[in-house]
């Protein structure tokens, strides 16, 4: 049955919205459960979620809104994965509470989303040029 779902010549991107939602919920759950500083577990969790998201990114095209949604979810997982760096630099890794503020996390997410959206649109342009040739 799964083989019938995997088309060979896709025109639209086959990013499963359920996979994106699942990644966001998993990342949010990690953030809610883990009280205190970001550590290696959040880094591993964020990287694992990024791998799941990129596994569902297949050939095809996406609208701008799909690129922003994909980039927003990927950025959320990316921030979860790299939050240990500012935590370590700010000295919060040795305390019971996180030294990384919500404002800092939000700013990291925003800038990562803008960057990932730009990179995603560039990647899609290269795909379109490759299919034209």
Protein backbone atom coordinates (compact mmCIF):
# COMPACT_ATOMS: atom_id res chain seq x y z
CA UNK A 1 0.00 0.00 0.00
CA UNK A 2 2.88 2.38 0.76
CA UNK A 3 4.34 1.78 -2.69
CA UNK A 4 1.17 3.15 -4.26
CA UNK A 5 1.67 6.40 -2.33
CA UNK A 6 5.18 7.10 -3.66
CA UNK A 7 4.78 8.74 -7.08
CA UNK A 8 7.84 8.92 -9.30
CA UNK A 9 7.17 12.21 -11.12
CA UNK A 10 5.87 14.73 -8.59
CA UNK A 11 4.94 18.24 -9.60
CA UNK A 12 4.21 19.52 -6.09
CA UNK A 13 6.33 19.04 -3.00
CA UNK A 14 5.22 16.10 -0.91
CA UNK A 15 5.91 17.47 2.54
CA UNK A 16 3.51 15.69 4.82
CA UNK A 17 1.72 18.32 6.96
CA UNK A 18 1.24 15.70 9.67
CA UNK A 19 5.02 15.21 9.84
CA UNK A 20 5.55 18.96 10.23
CA UNK A 21 2.86 19.16 12.92
CA UNK A 22 4.32 16.15 14.69
CA UNK A 23 7.77 17.73 14.71
CA UNK A 24 6.42 20.97 16.16
CA UNK A 25 4.47 19.11 18.84
CA UNK A 26 7.49 16.97 19.72
CA UNK A 27 9.76 20.02 19.98
CA UNK A 28 7.16 21.87 22.05
CA UNK A 29 6.79 18.89 24.35
CA UNK A 30 10.55 18.79 24.90
CA UNK A 31 10.53 22.51 25.72
CA UNK A 32 7.64 22.11 28.19
CA UNK A 33 9.00 19.01 29.91
CA UNK A 34 12.60 20.10 30.22
CA UNK A 35 12.71 22.65 33.00
CA UNK A 36 16.09 24.22 33.47
CA UNK A 37 19.00 24.75 31.14
CA UNK A 38 19.18 23.36 27.63
CA UNK A 39 21.43 20.35 27.48
CA UNK A 40 22.61 17.58 25.23
CA UNK A 41 19.21 15.88 25.23
CA UNK A 42 17.54 18.93 23.68
CA UNK A 43 20.35 19.09 21.11
CA UNK A 44 19.88 15.44 20.16
CA UNK A 45 16.09 15.88 20.08
CA UNK A 46 16.32 18.94 17.84
CA UNK A 47 18.73 17.24 15.44
CA UNK A 48 16.53 14.15 15.31
CA UNK A 49 13.47 16.26 14.49
CA UNK A 50 15.42 18.09 11.77
CA UNK A 51 16.33 14.75 10.20
CA UNK A 52 12.66 13.72 10.22
CA UNK A 53 11.57 16.98 8.60
CA UNK A 54 14.24 16.88 5.89
CA UNK A 55 13.41 13.24 5.19
CA UNK A 56 9.96 14.38 4.06
CA UNK A 57 11.33 17.12 1.81
CA UNK A 58 11.12 15.59 -1.64
CA UNK A 59 11.56 16.89 -5.16
CA UNK A 60 8.90 19.26 -6.38
CA UNK A 61 7.89 22.86 -5.96
CA UNK A 62 6.40 24.72 -3.01
CA UNK A 63 4.47 27.93 -2.67
CA UNK A 64 6.02 30.78 -0.70
CA UNK A 65 3.67 30.03 2.21
CA UNK A 66 4.73 26.38 2.20
CA UNK A 67 8.38 27.48 2.25
CA UNK A 68 7.74 29.77 5.22
CA UNK A 69 5.88 26.99 7.08
CA UNK A 70 8.59 24.44 6.34
CA UNK A 71 11.31 26.92 7.33
CA UNK A 72 9.48 27.92 10.51
CA UNK A 73 9.21 24.32 11.70
CA UNK A 74 12.81 23.55 10.70
CA UNK A 75 13.96 26.71 12.52
CA UNK A 76 12.06 25.72 15.64
CA UNK A 77 13.88 22.37 15.70
CA UNK A 78 17.16 24.07 14.81
CA UNK A 79 16.85 26.48 17.76
CA UNK A 80 16.09 23.55 20.02
CA UNK A 81 19.25 21.85 18.74
CA UNK A 82 21.58 24.86 19.14
CA UNK A 83 20.15 26.33 22.35
CA UNK A 84 22.92 24.63 24.29
CA UNK A 85 25.48 27.02 22.73
CA UNK A 86 24.13 30.28 24.25
CA UNK A 87 23.25 28.33 27.39
CA UNK A 88 26.89 27.31 27.72
CA UNK A 89 28.22 30.77 26.80
CA UNK A 90 25.94 32.49 29.34
CA UNK A 91 26.92 30.06 32.09
CA UNK A 92 23.44 28.62 32.59
CA UNK A 93 24.47 25.03 31.98
CA UNK A 94 25.60 24.69 35.59
CA UNK A 95 22.44 26.14 37.14
CA UNK A 96 18.91 24.91 37.72
CA UNK A 97 17.37 27.58 35.49
CA UNK A 98 18.06 28.45 31.88
CA UNK A 99 20.19 31.51 31.18
CA UNK A 100 18.64 31.78 27.69
CA UNK A 101 15.66 34.13 27.71
CA UNK A 102 12.47 33.61 25.73
CA UNK A 103 13.30 36.79 23.83
CA UNK A 104 16.65 35.32 22.76
CA UNK A 105 15.03 32.04 21.67
CA UNK A 106 12.35 33.94 19.74
CA UNK A 107 14.95 36.10 18.02
CA UNK A 108 17.01 33.06 17.08
CA UNK A 109 13.88 31.38 15.66
CA UNK A 110 12.88 34.48 13.66
CA UNK A 111 16.29 34.98 12.06
CA UNK A 112 16.68 31.26 11.36
CA UNK A 113 13.23 31.22 9.72
CA UNK A 114 14.14 34.16 7.48
CA UNK A 115 17.45 32.51 6.54
CA UNK A 116 15.92 29.06 5.95
CA UNK A 117 13.10 30.55 3.85
CA UNK A 118 15.64 32.36 1.67
CA UNK A 119 17.74 29.19 1.29
CA UNK A 120 14.64 27.10 0.55
CA UNK A 121 13.48 29.50 -2.18
CA UNK A 122 16.98 29.43 -3.72
CA UNK A 123 17.01 25.63 -3.63
CA UNK A 124 13.60 25.52 -5.33
CA UNK A 125 14.80 27.90 -8.04
CA UNK A 126 17.76 25.58 -8.73
CA UNK A 127 15.39 22.62 -8.91
CA UNK A 128 13.20 24.45 -11.45
CA UNK A 129 16.22 25.34 -13.63
CA UNK A 130 17.44 21.75 -13.47
CA UNK A 131 14.04 20.44 -14.65
CA UNK A 132 13.90 22.94 -17.54
CA UNK A 133 17.22 21.75 -19.02
